[in-house]
Structure formats: C-alpha cells, structure tokens
C-alpha atoms as a PDB file:
ATOM      1  CA  MET A   1      53.552  65.158  80.846  1.00  0.00           C
ATOM      2  CA  GLY A   2      53.186  63.014  83.913  1.00  0.00           C
ATOM      3  CA  GLU A   3      53.310  59.774  81.950  1.00  0.00           C
ATOM      4  CA  ARG A   4      56.572  60.831  80.300  1.00  0.00           C
ATOM      5  CA  LYS A   5      57.936  62.411  83.500  1.00  0.00           C
ATOM      6  CA  LEU A   6      58.431  65.741  81.744  1.00  0.00           C
ATOM      7  CA  LYS A   7      58.728  69.055  83.488  1.00  0.00           C
ATOM      8  CA  ILE A   8      57.080  72.243  82.276  1.00  0.00           C
ATOM      9  CA  ALA A   9      60.530  73.635  81.469  1.00  0.00           C
ATOM     10  CA  ASP A  10      61.291  70.584  79.286  1.00  0.00           C
ATOM     11  CA  VAL A  11      58.132  71.044  77.226  1.00  0.00           C
ATOM     12  CA  ALA A  12      58.718  74.801  76.930  1.00  0.00           C
ATOM     13  CA  ARG A  13      62.280  74.273  75.715  1.00  0.00           C
ATOM     14  CA  GLU A  14      61.353  71.576  73.184  1.00  0.00           C
ATOM     15  CA  THR A  15      58.276  73.331  71.762  1.00  0.00           C
ATOM     16  CA  GLY A  16      59.397  76.949  71.974  1.00  0.00           C
ATOM     17  CA  LEU A  17      56.207  77.819  73.838  1.00  0.00           C
ATOM     18  CA  ASN A  18      56.116  80.225  76.748  1.00  0.00           C
ATOM     19  CA  ARG A  19      56.453  78.451  80.090  1.00  0.00           C
ATOM     20  CA  ASN A  20      53.403  80.325  81.408  1.00  0.00           C
ATOM     21  CA  THR A  21      51.254  78.955  78.558  1.00  0.00           C
ATOM     22  CA  ILE A  22      52.219  75.394  79.427  1.00  0.00           C
ATOM     23  CA  THR A  23      51.697  76.015  83.145  1.00  0.00           C
ATOM     24  CA  LEU A  24      48.162  77.325  82.555  1.00  0.00           C
ATOM     25  CA  LEU A  25      47.330  74.316  80.387  1.00  0.00           C
ATOM     26  CA  TYR A  26      48.847  71.865  82.852  1.00  0.00           C
ATOM     27  CA  GLN A  27      46.902  73.386  85.746  1.00  0.00           C
ATOM     28  CA  GLU A  28      43.769  73.532  83.579  1.00  0.00           C
ATOM     29  CA  THR A  29      43.319  77.256  84.199  1.00  0.00           C
ATOM     30  CA  ALA A  30      43.926  78.595  80.665  1.00  0.00           C
ATOM     31  CA  ALA A  31      41.070  80.756  79.398  1.00  0.00           C
ATOM     32  CA  ARG A  32      42.141  80.395  75.766  1.00  0.00           C
ATOM     33  CA  VAL A  33      44.889  78.737  73.758  1.00  0.00           C
ATOM     34  CA  GLU A  34      46.411  79.872  70.472  1.00  0.00           C
ATOM     35  CA  LEU A  35      46.089  77.433  67.562  1.00  0.00           C
ATOM     36  CA  ASP A  36      49.849  77.555  67.061  1.00  0.00           C
ATOM     37  CA  ALA A  37      50.385  76.376  70.650  1.00  0.00           C
ATOM     38  CA  ILE A  38      47.917  73.512  70.176  1.00  0.00           C
ATOM     39  CA  ASP A  39      49.681  72.477  66.983  1.00  0.00           C
ATOM     40  CA  LYS A  40      53.120  72.503  68.628  1.00  0.00           C
ATOM     41  CA  LEU A  41      51.899  70.467  71.596  1.00  0.00           C
ATOM     42  CA  CYS A  42      50.176  67.909  69.358  1.00  0.00           C
ATOM     43  CA  LYS A  43      53.362  67.478  67.330  1.00  0.00           C
ATOM     44  CA  PHE A  44      55.547  67.252  70.422  1.00  0.00           C
ATOM     45  CA  PHE A  45      53.401  64.611  72.127  1.00  0.00           C
ATOM     46  CA  GLY A  46      52.487  62.846  68.885  1.00  0.00           C
ATOM     47  CA  VAL A  47      48.753  63.055  69.531  1.00  0.00           C
ATOM     48  CA  GLY A  48      45.645  64.577  67.975  1.00  0.00           C
ATOM     49  CA  VAL A  49      43.736  67.505  69.415  1.00  0.00           C
ATOM     50  CA  GLY A  50      41.099  65.176  70.875  1.00  0.00           C
ATOM     51  CA  GLU A  51      43.757  63.378  72.869  1.00  0.00           C
ATOM     52  CA  LEU A  52      45.223  66.630  74.145  1.00  0.00           C
ATOM     53  CA  PHE A  53      42.000  68.344  75.193  1.00  0.00           C
ATOM     54  CA  GLU A  54      38.721  67.222  76.681  1.00  0.00           C
ATOM     55  CA  ARG A  55      35.536  69.271  76.764  1.00  0.00           C
ATOM     56  CA  VAL A  56      33.894  69.207  80.165  1.00  0.00           C
ATOM     57  CA  PRO A  57      30.330  70.567  80.317  1.00  0.00           C
ATOM     58  CA  ASP A  58      29.624  73.355  82.833  1.00  0.00           C
END
C-alpha cells in the first residue's frame, strides 16, 4: 500500500473488504484472515500469496 500510496479506505472500496480487516493486516495484528480476503487482495495488488504474506518464526 505504501509503495502505491494507497489508503486503507481505497483498498477497502476497491476490494469490497471490511476496512477493519485491511487495518489489522496493515498493522500486522490480524489473528486470522479469510481465504476470500487473501484472494481479493492478491488480485487487487496483482501478486501471489507469498508476496503478500511472510511467515516470521516465533
């Protein structure tokens, strides 16, 4: 989002996702994410899941 200078509201409007879902993902505080949300974000940003998420060991 930062690279494209997008606001949370912009992504919510374009993807149809709840603003709170995007906020939690952006702040890296989401406990879980629905597969539908992941799919919509991947399509919107034109990336694969591996480019959208990164697993960080505990």
